[in-house]
N, C-alpha and C. Protein backbone atom coordinates (compact mmCIF):
# COMPACT_ATOMS: atom_id res chain seq x y z
N MET A 1 -14.72 3.95 -13.22
CA MET A 1 -14.68 3.01 -12.07
C MET A 1 -15.16 1.69 -12.54
N THR A 2 -14.47 0.71 -12.13
CA THR A 2 -14.83 -0.67 -12.49
C THR A 2 -15.72 -1.24 -11.45
N ALA A 3 -16.38 -2.30 -11.81
CA ALA A 3 -17.28 -2.96 -10.82
C ALA A 3 -16.48 -3.33 -9.52
N LEU A 4 -17.19 -3.12 -8.41
CA LEU A 4 -16.59 -3.41 -7.17
C LEU A 4 -16.81 -4.81 -6.67
N LEU A 5 -17.82 -5.45 -7.18
CA LEU A 5 -18.20 -6.75 -6.72
C LEU A 5 -18.57 -7.65 -7.90
N PRO A 6 -18.30 -8.97 -7.79
CA PRO A 6 -18.71 -9.89 -8.92
C PRO A 6 -20.26 -9.81 -9.10
N GLY A 7 -20.58 -9.74 -10.32
CA GLY A 7 -22.00 -9.70 -10.76
C GLY A 7 -22.57 -8.32 -10.88
N GLN A 8 -21.84 -7.32 -10.41
CA GLN A 8 -22.26 -5.96 -10.47
C GLN A 8 -22.43 -5.54 -11.93
N PRO A 9 -23.52 -4.93 -12.37
CA PRO A 9 -23.71 -4.53 -13.77
C PRO A 9 -22.60 -3.48 -14.13
N ALA A 10 -21.94 -3.85 -15.25
CA ALA A 10 -20.85 -2.99 -15.76
C ALA A 10 -20.80 -3.06 -17.27
N ALA A 11 -20.35 -2.05 -17.89
CA ALA A 11 -20.13 -1.99 -19.35
C ALA A 11 -18.88 -1.21 -19.67
N ASP A 12 -18.01 -1.80 -20.54
CA ASP A 12 -16.76 -1.13 -20.87
C ASP A 12 -15.96 -0.83 -19.60
N GLY A 13 -16.08 -1.59 -18.60
CA GLY A 13 -15.26 -1.42 -17.38
C GLY A 13 -15.84 -0.42 -16.45
N GLU A 14 -16.97 0.09 -16.73
CA GLU A 14 -17.63 1.08 -15.85
C GLU A 14 -18.96 0.51 -15.26
N VAL A 15 -19.21 0.94 -13.98
CA VAL A 15 -20.38 0.53 -13.34
C VAL A 15 -21.57 1.21 -14.05
N VAL A 16 -22.61 0.46 -14.38
CA VAL A 16 -23.83 1.08 -14.94
C VAL A 16 -25.08 0.94 -14.01
N PHE A 17 -25.92 1.87 -14.18
CA PHE A 17 -27.17 1.87 -13.37
C PHE A 17 -28.36 1.96 -14.36
N GLY A 18 -29.35 1.25 -14.16
CA GLY A 18 -30.55 1.25 -14.94
C GLY A 18 -31.53 2.35 -14.61
N THR A 19 -31.43 2.85 -13.33
CA THR A 19 -32.35 3.94 -12.91
C THR A 19 -31.62 4.76 -11.89
N PRO A 20 -32.05 5.98 -11.66
CA PRO A 20 -31.39 6.87 -10.71
C PRO A 20 -31.30 6.32 -9.27
N TRP A 21 -32.39 5.60 -8.80
CA TRP A 21 -32.32 5.10 -7.49
C TRP A 21 -31.14 4.17 -7.28
N GLU A 22 -30.81 3.35 -8.31
CA GLU A 22 -29.69 2.40 -8.23
C GLU A 22 -28.39 3.21 -7.95
N ALA A 23 -28.16 4.31 -8.66
CA ALA A 23 -26.91 5.11 -8.43
C ALA A 23 -26.96 5.75 -7.02
N ARG A 24 -28.11 6.13 -6.58
CA ARG A 24 -28.16 6.71 -5.23
C ARG A 24 -27.83 5.65 -4.14
N ALA A 25 -28.43 4.38 -4.31
CA ALA A 25 -28.13 3.32 -3.34
C ALA A 25 -26.69 2.93 -3.43
N PHE A 26 -26.06 2.99 -4.55
CA PHE A 26 -24.66 2.69 -4.74
C PHE A 26 -23.83 3.82 -3.96
N ALA A 27 -24.15 5.09 -4.19
CA ALA A 27 -23.43 6.15 -3.66
C ALA A 27 -23.60 6.21 -2.05
N MET A 28 -24.76 5.90 -1.60
CA MET A 28 -25.05 5.80 -0.10
C MET A 28 -24.12 4.71 0.44
N THR A 29 -24.05 3.59 -0.17
CA THR A 29 -23.24 2.51 0.28
C THR A 29 -21.79 2.83 0.42
N ILE A 30 -21.34 3.47 -0.68
CA ILE A 30 -19.88 3.87 -0.73
C ILE A 30 -19.59 4.85 0.35
N ARG A 31 -20.45 5.82 0.64
CA ARG A 31 -20.28 6.87 1.63
C ARG A 31 -20.32 6.24 3.00
N LEU A 32 -21.26 5.38 3.31
CA LEU A 32 -21.29 4.74 4.59
C LEU A 32 -20.08 3.89 4.89
N HIS A 33 -19.59 3.20 3.89
CA HIS A 33 -18.34 2.47 3.94
C HIS A 33 -17.17 3.48 4.25
N GLU A 34 -17.15 4.52 3.55
CA GLU A 34 -16.02 5.53 3.80
C GLU A 34 -16.10 6.10 5.23
N GLN A 35 -17.31 6.09 5.77
CA GLN A 35 -17.48 6.66 7.14
C GLN A 35 -17.30 5.56 8.23
N ASP A 36 -16.79 4.36 7.75
CA ASP A 36 -16.55 3.21 8.62
C ASP A 36 -17.85 2.66 9.30
N VAL A 37 -18.96 2.87 8.65
CA VAL A 37 -20.14 2.32 9.32
C VAL A 37 -20.15 0.73 9.11
N PHE A 38 -19.57 0.32 8.09
CA PHE A 38 -19.27 -1.15 7.81
C PHE A 38 -18.12 -1.29 6.95
N MET A 39 -17.45 -2.44 7.04
CA MET A 39 -16.29 -2.76 6.24
C MET A 39 -16.73 -3.35 4.98
N TRP A 40 -16.02 -3.17 3.85
CA TRP A 40 -16.41 -3.63 2.55
C TRP A 40 -16.65 -5.13 2.52
N PRO A 41 -15.82 -5.95 3.07
CA PRO A 41 -16.06 -7.43 3.15
C PRO A 41 -17.41 -7.77 3.78
N GLN A 42 -17.74 -6.97 4.84
CA GLN A 42 -19.06 -7.17 5.42
C GLN A 42 -20.24 -6.90 4.51
N PHE A 43 -20.03 -5.84 3.66
CA PHE A 43 -21.10 -5.48 2.77
C PHE A 43 -21.20 -6.52 1.69
N ALA A 44 -20.04 -7.06 1.20
CA ALA A 44 -19.95 -8.03 0.10
C ALA A 44 -20.65 -9.29 0.61
N ALA A 45 -20.39 -9.69 1.82
CA ALA A 45 -20.94 -10.94 2.35
C ALA A 45 -22.48 -10.76 2.55
N THR A 46 -22.92 -9.64 2.95
CA THR A 46 -24.41 -9.40 3.23
C THR A 46 -25.05 -9.39 1.81
N LEU A 47 -24.44 -8.73 0.82
CA LEU A 47 -24.99 -8.75 -0.49
C LEU A 47 -25.14 -10.15 -1.12
N ALA A 48 -24.04 -10.95 -0.93
CA ALA A 48 -24.04 -12.36 -1.32
C ALA A 48 -25.23 -13.11 -0.68
N GLU A 49 -25.44 -12.88 0.56
CA GLU A 49 -26.55 -13.51 1.27
C GLU A 49 -27.87 -13.06 0.72
N GLU A 50 -28.06 -11.85 0.50
CA GLU A 50 -29.35 -11.33 -0.08
C GLU A 50 -29.55 -11.91 -1.44
N ILE A 51 -28.52 -12.01 -2.25
CA ILE A 51 -28.71 -12.65 -3.67
C ILE A 51 -29.08 -14.11 -3.52
N ASN A 52 -28.39 -14.80 -2.66
CA ASN A 52 -28.66 -16.23 -2.39
C ASN A 52 -30.10 -16.38 -1.95
N LEU A 53 -30.58 -15.56 -1.02
CA LEU A 53 -31.98 -15.67 -0.51
C LEU A 53 -32.90 -15.43 -1.66
N ALA A 54 -32.61 -14.52 -2.53
CA ALA A 54 -33.55 -14.20 -3.65
C ALA A 54 -33.50 -15.29 -4.63
N GLN A 55 -32.36 -15.92 -4.86
CA GLN A 55 -32.39 -17.08 -5.79
C GLN A 55 -33.18 -18.23 -5.22
N LEU A 56 -32.96 -18.47 -3.92
CA LEU A 56 -33.82 -19.55 -3.27
C LEU A 56 -35.24 -19.27 -3.35
N ALA A 57 -35.65 -17.97 -3.40
CA ALA A 57 -37.01 -17.64 -3.55
C ALA A 57 -37.56 -17.59 -4.96
N GLY A 58 -36.67 -17.86 -5.92
CA GLY A 58 -37.02 -17.94 -7.35
C GLY A 58 -36.56 -16.85 -8.20
N ASP A 59 -35.75 -15.91 -7.69
CA ASP A 59 -35.22 -14.93 -8.59
C ASP A 59 -34.34 -15.55 -9.67
N PRO A 60 -34.66 -15.26 -11.02
CA PRO A 60 -33.90 -15.89 -12.04
C PRO A 60 -32.48 -15.46 -12.17
N ASP A 61 -32.10 -14.40 -11.45
CA ASP A 61 -30.69 -13.95 -11.48
C ASP A 61 -30.30 -13.61 -12.95
N THR A 62 -31.10 -12.69 -13.55
CA THR A 62 -30.81 -12.28 -14.97
C THR A 62 -30.01 -10.92 -14.90
N GLY A 63 -29.71 -10.40 -13.69
CA GLY A 63 -29.05 -9.20 -13.51
C GLY A 63 -29.90 -7.90 -13.37
N ASP A 64 -31.11 -7.97 -13.73
CA ASP A 64 -31.95 -6.82 -13.62
C ASP A 64 -32.47 -6.51 -12.24
N THR A 65 -32.21 -7.48 -11.31
CA THR A 65 -32.65 -7.29 -9.88
C THR A 65 -31.40 -7.05 -8.97
N TYR A 66 -30.22 -6.87 -9.50
CA TYR A 66 -28.99 -6.80 -8.72
C TYR A 66 -29.08 -5.65 -7.69
N TYR A 67 -29.57 -4.46 -8.11
CA TYR A 67 -29.61 -3.42 -7.20
C TYR A 67 -30.70 -3.48 -6.22
N HIS A 68 -31.67 -4.36 -6.43
CA HIS A 68 -32.72 -4.56 -5.41
C HIS A 68 -32.03 -5.37 -4.26
N HIS A 69 -31.12 -6.29 -4.62
CA HIS A 69 -30.42 -7.03 -3.60
C HIS A 69 -29.39 -6.15 -2.92
N TRP A 70 -28.74 -5.25 -3.67
CA TRP A 70 -27.82 -4.23 -3.14
C TRP A 70 -28.50 -3.40 -2.10
N LEU A 71 -29.71 -2.94 -2.38
CA LEU A 71 -30.45 -2.05 -1.44
C LEU A 71 -30.91 -2.91 -0.18
N ALA A 72 -31.31 -4.17 -0.41
CA ALA A 72 -31.69 -4.98 0.68
C ALA A 72 -30.49 -5.17 1.68
N ALA A 73 -29.30 -5.38 1.07
CA ALA A 73 -28.10 -5.58 1.83
C ALA A 73 -27.76 -4.25 2.67
N LEU A 74 -27.90 -3.16 1.91
CA LEU A 74 -27.62 -1.87 2.60
C LEU A 74 -28.59 -1.55 3.73
N GLU A 75 -29.91 -1.82 3.52
CA GLU A 75 -30.91 -1.66 4.53
C GLU A 75 -30.63 -2.53 5.73
N ARG A 76 -30.23 -3.70 5.41
CA ARG A 76 -29.97 -4.65 6.55
C ARG A 76 -28.84 -4.23 7.40
N LEU A 77 -27.79 -3.78 6.76
CA LEU A 77 -26.52 -3.38 7.49
C LEU A 77 -26.86 -2.09 8.25
N VAL A 78 -27.66 -1.14 7.72
CA VAL A 78 -27.99 0.07 8.45
C VAL A 78 -28.75 -0.37 9.69
N ALA A 79 -29.65 -1.26 9.59
CA ALA A 79 -30.36 -1.76 10.77
C ALA A 79 -29.49 -2.47 11.79
N GLU A 80 -28.64 -3.27 11.29
CA GLU A 80 -27.74 -4.05 12.15
C GLU A 80 -26.75 -3.10 12.85
N GLN A 81 -26.41 -2.02 12.28
CA GLN A 81 -25.45 -1.04 12.86
C GLN A 81 -26.22 -0.10 13.79
N GLY A 82 -27.55 -0.18 13.91
CA GLY A 82 -28.26 0.59 14.79
C GLY A 82 -28.56 2.07 14.30
N MET A 83 -28.35 2.24 13.00
CA MET A 83 -28.61 3.53 12.44
C MET A 83 -30.09 3.85 12.21
N ALA A 84 -30.81 2.84 11.77
CA ALA A 84 -32.27 2.93 11.57
C ALA A 84 -32.78 1.51 11.44
N SER A 85 -33.79 1.18 12.27
CA SER A 85 -34.35 -0.18 12.19
C SER A 85 -35.01 -0.42 10.88
N ILE A 86 -35.34 -1.57 10.63
CA ILE A 86 -36.16 -1.94 9.40
C ILE A 86 -37.45 -1.22 9.49
N ASP A 87 -38.10 -1.22 10.66
CA ASP A 87 -39.41 -0.54 10.80
C ASP A 87 -39.25 0.97 10.54
N GLU A 88 -38.16 1.56 11.08
CA GLU A 88 -37.93 3.00 10.84
C GLU A 88 -37.68 3.29 9.41
N GLN A 89 -37.04 2.42 8.79
CA GLN A 89 -36.75 2.54 7.35
C GLN A 89 -38.09 2.50 6.50
N GLU A 90 -38.96 1.48 6.92
CA GLU A 90 -40.24 1.39 6.22
C GLU A 90 -41.14 2.68 6.49
N ARG A 91 -41.13 3.14 7.71
CA ARG A 91 -41.94 4.36 8.00
C ARG A 91 -41.44 5.56 7.15
N THR A 92 -40.17 5.70 7.05
CA THR A 92 -39.63 6.73 6.30
C THR A 92 -39.97 6.61 4.82
N ARG A 93 -39.87 5.44 4.34
CA ARG A 93 -40.20 5.08 2.93
C ARG A 93 -41.67 5.45 2.63
N GLU A 94 -42.56 5.07 3.55
CA GLU A 94 -43.93 5.42 3.38
C GLU A 94 -44.19 6.85 3.54
N ALA A 95 -43.48 7.49 4.41
CA ALA A 95 -43.61 9.01 4.51
C ALA A 95 -43.24 9.69 3.17
N TRP A 96 -42.18 9.27 2.54
CA TRP A 96 -41.79 9.75 1.27
C TRP A 96 -42.83 9.54 0.21
N ARG A 97 -43.40 8.40 0.23
CA ARG A 97 -44.52 8.09 -0.76
C ARG A 97 -45.68 8.89 -0.53
N ARG A 98 -46.07 9.19 0.64
CA ARG A 98 -47.31 10.05 0.96
C ARG A 98 -46.88 11.52 0.46
N ALA A 99 -45.69 11.88 0.76
CA ALA A 99 -45.32 13.29 0.35
C ALA A 99 -45.21 13.41 -1.20
N ALA A 100 -44.71 12.41 -1.80
CA ALA A 100 -44.66 12.43 -3.20
C ALA A 100 -46.07 12.32 -3.92
N ASP A 101 -46.91 11.61 -3.31
CA ASP A 101 -48.32 11.54 -3.87
C ASP A 101 -49.05 12.83 -3.90
N ARG A 102 -48.72 13.68 -2.96
CA ARG A 102 -49.52 14.95 -2.88
C ARG A 102 -48.76 16.11 -3.54
N THR A 103 -47.50 15.86 -4.02
CA THR A 103 -46.76 16.92 -4.57
C THR A 103 -46.96 16.99 -6.05
N PRO A 104 -47.29 18.04 -6.63
CA PRO A 104 -47.47 18.29 -8.02
C PRO A 104 -46.17 18.03 -8.81
N HIS A 105 -46.27 17.46 -9.99
CA HIS A 105 -45.13 17.19 -10.83
C HIS A 105 -44.25 18.48 -10.97
N GLY A 106 -42.93 18.26 -10.90
CA GLY A 106 -42.01 19.37 -10.99
C GLY A 106 -41.73 20.17 -9.81
N ARG A 107 -42.44 19.99 -8.76
CA ARG A 107 -42.29 20.64 -7.46
C ARG A 107 -41.37 19.83 -6.51
N PRO A 108 -40.63 20.45 -5.67
CA PRO A 108 -39.86 19.70 -4.70
C PRO A 108 -40.74 18.92 -3.70
N ILE A 109 -40.37 17.71 -3.35
CA ILE A 109 -41.09 16.94 -2.34
C ILE A 109 -40.66 17.40 -1.00
N GLU A 110 -41.61 17.74 -0.13
CA GLU A 110 -41.34 18.18 1.23
C GLU A 110 -42.07 17.27 2.19
N LEU A 111 -41.30 16.79 3.12
CA LEU A 111 -41.85 15.90 4.19
C LEU A 111 -42.48 16.72 5.22
N GLN A 112 -43.64 16.37 5.76
CA GLN A 112 -44.28 17.03 6.90
C GLN A 112 -44.45 15.95 8.00
N PRO A 113 -44.56 16.39 9.28
CA PRO A 113 -44.79 15.45 10.28
C PRO A 113 -46.01 14.54 10.08
N SER A 114 -47.02 15.00 9.43
CA SER A 114 -48.18 14.21 9.14
C SER A 114 -47.82 13.01 8.27
N ASP A 115 -46.78 13.13 7.43
CA ASP A 115 -46.39 12.03 6.55
C ASP A 115 -45.95 10.79 7.34
N PHE A 116 -45.50 11.01 8.58
CA PHE A 116 -45.04 9.86 9.37
C PHE A 116 -46.09 9.28 10.25
N ALA A 117 -47.38 9.83 10.20
CA ALA A 117 -48.43 9.26 10.94
C ALA A 117 -48.85 7.95 10.43
N ASP A 118 -49.15 7.04 11.27
CA ASP A 118 -49.61 5.64 10.88
C ASP A 118 -51.04 5.75 10.26
N PRO A 119 -51.19 5.38 8.97
CA PRO A 119 -52.51 5.57 8.29
C PRO A 119 -53.55 4.62 8.76
N ARG A 120 -53.18 3.66 9.59
CA ARG A 120 -54.22 2.62 10.04
C ARG A 120 -55.23 3.11 10.92
């Protein structure tokens, strides 16, 4: 597979990922697009906006933050489409962190209702 968007990390004509989460974010984006949650031009425009915002905030745009912008664009579109608000996404992210913190290495991470409780 070749890069789908300008600036997307690629080598020898293939998309490359620095870490597993980058590949998962990529795969989720492709799947949501295939399910018509958003159109590809909409994602590309949102990604360009996220990259521009990051550059305005001082991101040196060396390529190593590309998938951070990709994820920000995906999260924004998921919220805009009403699938999960930014707050819901953050609560879920924190729940996963809590569950991961208590899980011994090598064991499956299992979410529990208490993981979603507000720790404040």
